[in-house]
Amino acid sequence: MAINIDGEDLKHGVMGLVIAVVEILKDALKHQAVRRMEAGTLNAEEIERLGAALMGIDRAVDEIKEEYGVKEAVVSVREGLDQALNDIFHAATLATGPGLETRVPRETGKRRHDEKNPKEIETP
């Protein structure tokens, strides 16, 4: 079975992935900047510079998406990544309980790191 890959589609896909990763990093930087502002660890000048830099990144990314025609590819990649992360977080919340301890099914015979070996449990 031959795989037919269109070079232009591949180019858009790769460019969409790269831009999506840049956007994710930019979002993380914005989140960190907000946390630092709320914590009071930035002075007014630093806040101004950080805001200008983040807006510059926004403009540059928007220009690149427009120039290369990859807006839809970026949206598609972001949606796919968002869904994958949602699935991971959902699975993690099902597998963890209070205190974020990992629950291990009893059928496996494994125990959590904080459980005593059944042979060590004292009986009255």
N, C-alpha and C. Protein backbone atom coordinates (compact mmCIF):
# COMPACT_ATOMS: atom_id res chain seq x y z
N MET A 1 0.84 -1.17 0.00
CA MET A 1 0.00 0.00 0.00
C MET A 1 0.89 1.24 0.00
N ALA A 2 0.76 2.06 -0.99
CA ALA A 2 1.56 3.27 -1.10
C ALA A 2 0.91 4.41 -0.32
N ILE A 3 1.75 5.23 0.28
CA ILE A 3 1.26 6.39 1.00
C ILE A 3 1.54 7.61 0.15
N ASN A 4 0.50 8.35 -0.15
CA ASN A 4 0.63 9.53 -0.97
C ASN A 4 0.64 10.76 -0.07
N ILE A 5 1.80 11.41 0.03
CA ILE A 5 1.94 12.59 0.87
C ILE A 5 2.16 13.79 -0.03
N ASP A 6 1.27 14.74 0.11
CA ASP A 6 1.38 15.99 -0.64
C ASP A 6 2.37 16.90 0.09
N GLY A 7 3.39 17.35 -0.60
CA GLY A 7 4.43 18.18 0.01
C GLY A 7 3.88 19.45 0.62
N GLU A 8 2.90 20.05 -0.03
CA GLU A 8 2.32 21.29 0.49
C GLU A 8 1.54 21.04 1.78
N ASP A 9 0.78 19.93 1.82
CA ASP A 9 0.06 19.58 3.05
C ASP A 9 1.03 19.29 4.18
N LEU A 10 2.11 18.60 3.87
CA LEU A 10 3.12 18.28 4.87
C LEU A 10 3.75 19.56 5.42
N LYS A 11 4.06 20.49 4.52
CA LYS A 11 4.65 21.77 4.91
C LYS A 11 3.71 22.54 5.84
N HIS A 12 2.43 22.58 5.48
CA HIS A 12 1.44 23.28 6.32
C HIS A 12 1.30 22.58 7.68
N GLY A 13 1.32 21.26 7.66
CA GLY A 13 1.19 20.52 8.90
C GLY A 13 2.35 20.76 9.84
N VAL A 14 3.57 20.73 9.31
CA VAL A 14 4.76 20.95 10.13
C VAL A 14 4.77 22.40 10.63
N MET A 15 4.47 23.34 9.75
CA MET A 15 4.44 24.74 10.16
C MET A 15 3.35 24.96 11.21
N GLY A 16 2.20 24.31 11.03
CA GLY A 16 1.13 24.41 12.02
C GLY A 16 1.57 23.87 13.37
N LEU A 17 2.30 22.76 13.37
CA LEU A 17 2.80 22.19 14.61
C LEU A 17 3.80 23.12 15.29
N VAL A 18 4.71 23.68 14.52
CA VAL A 18 5.71 24.59 15.08
C VAL A 18 5.05 25.81 15.69
N ILE A 19 4.11 26.40 14.97
CA ILE A 19 3.42 27.59 15.48
C ILE A 19 2.59 27.23 16.70
N ALA A 20 1.96 26.07 16.70
CA ALA A 20 1.17 25.65 17.87
C ALA A 20 2.07 25.52 19.10
N VAL A 21 3.25 24.96 18.93
CA VAL A 21 4.19 24.82 20.05
C VAL A 21 4.63 26.21 20.54
N VAL A 22 4.89 27.11 19.62
CA VAL A 22 5.26 28.48 20.00
C VAL A 22 4.10 29.12 20.78
N GLU A 23 2.87 28.93 20.32
CA GLU A 23 1.72 29.49 21.02
C GLU A 23 1.58 28.90 22.43
N ILE A 24 1.82 27.62 22.55
CA ILE A 24 1.72 26.97 23.87
C ILE A 24 2.79 27.55 24.80
N LEU A 25 4.00 27.73 24.30
CA LEU A 25 5.06 28.33 25.12
C LEU A 25 4.70 29.77 25.49
N LYS A 26 4.13 30.49 24.53
CA LYS A 26 3.71 31.87 24.80
C LYS A 26 2.64 31.90 25.89
N ASP A 27 1.68 30.99 25.82
CA ASP A 27 0.64 30.91 26.84
C ASP A 27 1.24 30.61 28.22
N ALA A 28 2.23 29.72 28.24
CA ALA A 28 2.89 29.41 29.51
C ALA A 28 3.63 30.63 30.06
N LEU A 29 4.27 31.38 29.17
CA LEU A 29 4.96 32.60 29.60
C LEU A 29 3.96 33.63 30.15
N LYS A 30 2.82 33.76 29.48
CA LYS A 30 1.79 34.69 29.96
C LYS A 30 1.29 34.27 31.34
N HIS A 31 1.06 32.98 31.50
CA HIS A 31 0.59 32.48 32.79
C HIS A 31 1.61 32.76 33.88
N GLN A 32 2.87 32.52 33.59
CA GLN A 32 3.93 32.77 34.56
C GLN A 32 4.03 34.26 34.86
N ALA A 33 3.88 35.09 33.85
CA ALA A 33 3.95 36.54 34.06
C ALA A 33 2.82 37.00 34.98
N VAL A 34 1.62 36.49 34.78
CA VAL A 34 0.49 36.85 35.64
C VAL A 34 0.77 36.40 37.07
N ARG A 35 1.27 35.20 37.23
CA ARG A 35 1.59 34.70 38.58
C ARG A 35 2.62 35.60 39.26
N ARG A 36 3.63 36.01 38.53
CA ARG A 36 4.66 36.87 39.11
C ARG A 36 4.12 38.25 39.43
N MET A 37 3.23 38.77 38.57
CA MET A 37 2.61 40.07 38.86
C MET A 37 1.75 39.98 40.12
N GLU A 38 0.94 38.93 40.21
CA GLU A 38 0.07 38.76 41.37
C GLU A 38 0.88 38.56 42.65
N ALA A 39 2.05 37.94 42.53
CA ALA A 39 2.91 37.72 43.69
C ALA A 39 3.68 38.98 44.06
N GLY A 40 3.67 39.98 43.18
CA GLY A 40 4.37 41.22 43.47
C GLY A 40 5.86 41.15 43.26
N THR A 41 6.34 40.22 42.46
CA THR A 41 7.78 40.07 42.25
C THR A 41 8.29 40.84 41.04
N LEU A 42 7.40 41.56 40.36
CA LEU A 42 7.81 42.37 39.21
C LEU A 42 7.53 43.83 39.52
N ASN A 43 8.47 44.70 39.13
CA ASN A 43 8.20 46.13 39.28
C ASN A 43 7.48 46.63 38.03
N ALA A 44 7.06 47.86 38.05
CA ALA A 44 6.25 48.42 36.95
C ALA A 44 7.00 48.36 35.61
N GLU A 45 8.30 48.66 35.63
CA GLU A 45 9.08 48.63 34.40
C GLU A 45 9.16 47.21 33.83
N GLU A 46 9.37 46.23 34.69
CA GLU A 46 9.43 44.83 34.24
C GLU A 46 8.09 44.38 33.67
N ILE A 47 7.01 44.79 34.31
CA ILE A 47 5.67 44.44 33.81
C ILE A 47 5.45 45.04 32.44
N GLU A 48 5.85 46.28 32.25
CA GLU A 48 5.71 46.96 30.96
C GLU A 48 6.52 46.25 29.88
N ARG A 49 7.77 45.93 30.18
CA ARG A 49 8.63 45.24 29.20
C ARG A 49 8.09 43.87 28.87
N LEU A 50 7.64 43.14 29.88
CA LEU A 50 7.11 41.80 29.67
C LEU A 50 5.85 41.85 28.81
N GLY A 51 4.98 42.80 29.12
CA GLY A 51 3.75 42.96 28.32
C GLY A 51 4.05 43.27 26.87
N ALA A 52 5.01 44.18 26.65
CA ALA A 52 5.39 44.55 25.28
C ALA A 52 5.99 43.35 24.54
N ALA A 53 6.82 42.58 25.22
CA ALA A 53 7.44 41.41 24.58
C ALA A 53 6.38 40.37 24.21
N LEU A 54 5.43 40.13 25.11
CA LEU A 54 4.38 39.14 24.82
C LEU A 54 3.48 39.61 23.68
N MET A 55 3.18 40.90 23.64
CA MET A 55 2.38 41.42 22.52
C MET A 55 3.15 41.31 21.21
N GLY A 56 4.48 41.52 21.27
CA GLY A 56 5.30 41.37 20.07
C GLY A 56 5.28 39.94 19.57
N ILE A 57 5.33 38.99 20.49
CA ILE A 57 5.24 37.57 20.10
C ILE A 57 3.90 37.29 19.46
N ASP A 58 2.82 37.82 20.04
CA ASP A 58 1.48 37.64 19.47
C ASP A 58 1.43 38.15 18.03
N ARG A 59 1.95 39.36 17.81
CA ARG A 59 1.93 39.94 16.47
C ARG A 59 2.74 39.10 15.50
N ALA A 60 3.94 38.68 15.92
CA ALA A 60 4.81 37.90 15.03
C ALA A 60 4.16 36.57 14.66
N VAL A 61 3.56 35.91 15.65
CA VAL A 61 2.91 34.62 15.38
C VAL A 61 1.72 34.82 14.43
N ASP A 62 0.93 35.85 14.67
CA ASP A 62 -0.20 36.13 13.77
C ASP A 62 0.26 36.41 12.35
N GLU A 63 1.35 37.17 12.21
CA GLU A 63 1.88 37.46 10.87
C GLU A 63 2.36 36.20 10.17
N ILE A 64 3.03 35.34 10.90
CA ILE A 64 3.52 34.08 10.32
C ILE A 64 2.36 33.20 9.89
N LYS A 65 1.34 33.10 10.74
CA LYS A 65 0.17 32.28 10.37
C LYS A 65 -0.49 32.83 9.12
N GLU A 66 -0.59 34.15 9.02
CA GLU A 66 -1.20 34.78 7.84
C GLU A 66 -0.33 34.58 6.60
N GLU A 67 0.96 34.82 6.74
CA GLU A 67 1.89 34.72 5.61
C GLU A 67 1.95 33.31 5.03
N TYR A 68 1.96 32.31 5.90
CA TYR A 68 2.08 30.93 5.43
C TYR A 68 0.74 30.23 5.27
N GLY A 69 -0.34 30.91 5.61
CA GLY A 69 -1.66 30.32 5.45
C GLY A 69 -1.88 29.08 6.30
N VAL A 70 -1.43 29.13 7.55
CA VAL A 70 -1.52 27.94 8.40
C VAL A 70 -2.46 28.13 9.61
N LYS A 71 -3.35 29.11 9.52
CA LYS A 71 -4.26 29.34 10.65
C LYS A 71 -5.05 28.09 11.00
N GLU A 72 -5.62 27.45 9.98
CA GLU A 72 -6.43 26.26 10.22
C GLU A 72 -5.59 25.10 10.75
N ALA A 73 -4.37 24.98 10.23
CA ALA A 73 -3.49 23.91 10.69
C ALA A 73 -3.14 24.10 12.16
N VAL A 74 -2.91 25.35 12.57
CA VAL A 74 -2.57 25.63 13.97
C VAL A 74 -3.77 25.31 14.86
N VAL A 75 -4.95 25.73 14.43
CA VAL A 75 -6.16 25.45 15.21
C VAL A 75 -6.34 23.95 15.35
N SER A 76 -6.14 23.22 14.28
CA SER A 76 -6.29 21.77 14.30
C SER A 76 -5.29 21.12 15.26
N VAL A 77 -4.05 21.54 15.19
CA VAL A 77 -3.02 20.98 16.07
C VAL A 77 -3.34 21.32 17.53
N ARG A 78 -3.72 22.57 17.79
CA ARG A 78 -4.04 22.97 19.16
C ARG A 78 -5.22 22.18 19.71
N GLU A 79 -6.24 21.98 18.88
CA GLU A 79 -7.40 21.20 19.33
C GLU A 79 -6.99 19.76 19.63
N GLY A 80 -6.15 19.19 18.78
CA GLY A 80 -5.68 17.83 19.01
C GLY A 80 -4.86 17.72 20.28
N LEU A 81 -3.95 18.68 20.49
CA LEU A 81 -3.14 18.68 21.70
C LEU A 81 -3.99 18.92 22.94
N ASP A 82 -4.93 19.86 22.84
CA ASP A 82 -5.83 20.13 23.97
C ASP A 82 -6.62 18.88 24.34
N GLN A 83 -7.12 18.18 23.34
CA GLN A 83 -7.89 16.96 23.61
C GLN A 83 -7.01 15.89 24.24
N ALA A 84 -5.79 15.76 23.73
CA ALA A 84 -4.87 14.77 24.31
C ALA A 84 -4.56 15.10 25.76
N LEU A 85 -4.32 16.37 26.06
CA LEU A 85 -4.06 16.78 27.44
C LEU A 85 -5.27 16.57 28.33
N ASN A 86 -6.45 16.89 27.80
CA ASN A 86 -7.67 16.66 28.58
C ASN A 86 -7.83 15.18 28.91
N ASP A 87 -7.54 14.33 27.94
CA ASP A 87 -7.63 12.89 28.16
C ASP A 87 -6.63 12.44 29.23
N ILE A 88 -5.42 12.98 29.17
CA ILE A 88 -4.40 12.63 30.15
C ILE A 88 -4.81 13.09 31.54
N PHE A 89 -5.27 14.33 31.66
CA PHE A 89 -5.68 14.84 32.96
C PHE A 89 -6.88 14.07 33.49
N HIS A 90 -7.81 13.72 32.61
CA HIS A 90 -8.98 12.96 33.03
C HIS A 90 -8.54 11.59 33.56
N ALA A 91 -7.65 10.94 32.84
CA ALA A 91 -7.16 9.63 33.28
C ALA A 91 -6.40 9.76 34.61
N ALA A 92 -5.65 10.85 34.75
CA ALA A 92 -4.89 11.05 35.99
C ALA A 92 -5.82 11.28 37.17
N THR A 93 -6.92 12.00 36.96
CA THR A 93 -7.84 12.25 38.07
C THR A 93 -8.57 10.98 38.45
N LEU A 94 -8.78 10.09 37.51
CA LEU A 94 -9.40 8.81 37.83
C LEU A 94 -8.44 7.91 38.58
N ALA A 95 -7.15 8.06 38.30
CA ALA A 95 -6.15 7.17 38.90
C ALA A 95 -5.61 7.70 40.22
N THR A 96 -5.99 8.91 40.59
CA THR A 96 -5.47 9.48 41.83
C THR A 96 -6.61 9.89 42.73
N GLY A 97 -6.31 9.94 43.98
CA GLY A 97 -7.31 10.34 44.95
C GLY A 97 -6.80 11.49 45.79
N PRO A 98 -7.34 11.64 46.99
CA PRO A 98 -6.88 12.71 47.87
C PRO A 98 -5.38 12.61 48.10
N GLY A 99 -4.74 13.75 48.07
CA GLY A 99 -3.30 13.77 48.27
C GLY A 99 -2.52 13.32 47.04
N LEU A 100 -3.21 13.11 45.94
CA LEU A 100 -2.61 12.69 44.67
C LEU A 100 -1.84 11.38 44.79
N GLU A 101 -2.31 10.48 45.63
CA GLU A 101 -1.71 9.16 45.73
C GLU A 101 -2.22 8.32 44.56
N THR A 102 -1.37 7.51 44.02
CA THR A 102 -1.77 6.65 42.92
C THR A 102 -2.53 5.45 43.47
N ARG A 103 -3.67 5.20 42.88
CA ARG A 103 -4.45 4.03 43.27
C ARG A 103 -4.04 2.87 42.40
N VAL A 104 -3.75 1.77 43.02
CA VAL A 104 -3.37 0.56 42.29
C VAL A 104 -4.47 -0.46 42.51
N PRO A 105 -5.00 -1.03 41.43
CA PRO A 105 -6.05 -2.03 41.61
C PRO A 105 -5.54 -3.18 42.47
N ARG A 106 -6.38 -3.66 43.35
CA ARG A 106 -5.99 -4.72 44.28
C ARG A 106 -5.70 -6.03 43.56
N GLU A 107 -6.28 -6.25 42.39
CA GLU A 107 -6.08 -7.51 41.68
C GLU A 107 -4.61 -7.70 41.30
N THR A 108 -3.89 -6.60 41.15
CA THR A 108 -2.50 -6.72 40.68
C THR A 108 -1.58 -7.23 41.75
N GLY A 109 -2.00 -7.15 43.01
CA GLY A 109 -1.15 -7.57 44.10
C GLY A 109 -0.12 -6.53 44.47
N LYS A 110 -0.12 -5.39 43.74
CA LYS A 110 0.83 -4.32 44.06
C LYS A 110 0.23 -3.45 45.15
N ARG A 111 1.07 -2.74 45.82
CA ARG A 111 0.58 -1.84 46.84
C ARG A 111 1.19 -0.46 46.64
N ARG A 112 0.52 0.53 47.21
CA ARG A 112 1.03 1.89 47.12
C ARG A 112 2.30 2.00 47.95
N HIS A 113 3.07 3.04 47.67
CA HIS A 113 4.34 3.22 48.37
C HIS A 113 4.17 3.42 49.87
N ASP A 114 3.01 3.90 50.30
CA ASP A 114 2.80 4.16 51.72
C ASP A 114 2.08 3.02 52.44
N GLU A 115 1.76 1.94 51.73
CA GLU A 115 1.08 0.80 52.34
C GLU A 115 2.10 -0.16 52.94
N LYS A 116 1.72 -0.77 54.04
CA LYS A 116 2.57 -1.79 54.64
C LYS A 116 2.37 -3.11 53.92
N ASN A 117 3.39 -3.91 53.96
CA ASN A 117 3.31 -5.25 53.44
C ASN A 117 2.30 -6.01 54.31
N PRO A 118 1.37 -6.77 53.72
CA PRO A 118 0.39 -7.49 54.53
C PRO A 118 1.03 -8.33 55.62
N LYS A 119 2.24 -8.82 55.41
CA LYS A 119 2.93 -9.62 56.44
C LYS A 119 3.35 -8.75 57.62
N GLU A 120 3.47 -7.40 57.38
CA GLU A 120 3.91 -6.50 58.43
C GLU A 120 2.74 -5.96 59.26
N ILE A 121 1.52 -6.16 58.80
CA ILE A 121 0.35 -5.64 59.50
C ILE A 121 0.11 -6.46 60.74
N GLU A 122 0.05 -5.76 61.85
CA GLU A 122 -0.17 -6.46 63.11
C GLU A 122 -1.65 -6.70 63.30
N THR A 123 -2.00 -7.85 63.80
CA THR A 123 -3.39 -8.15 64.12
C THR A 123 -3.54 -8.19 65.62
N PRO A 124 -4.68 -7.73 66.13
CA PRO A 124 -4.87 -7.71 67.59
C PRO A 124 -5.00 -9.09 68.20
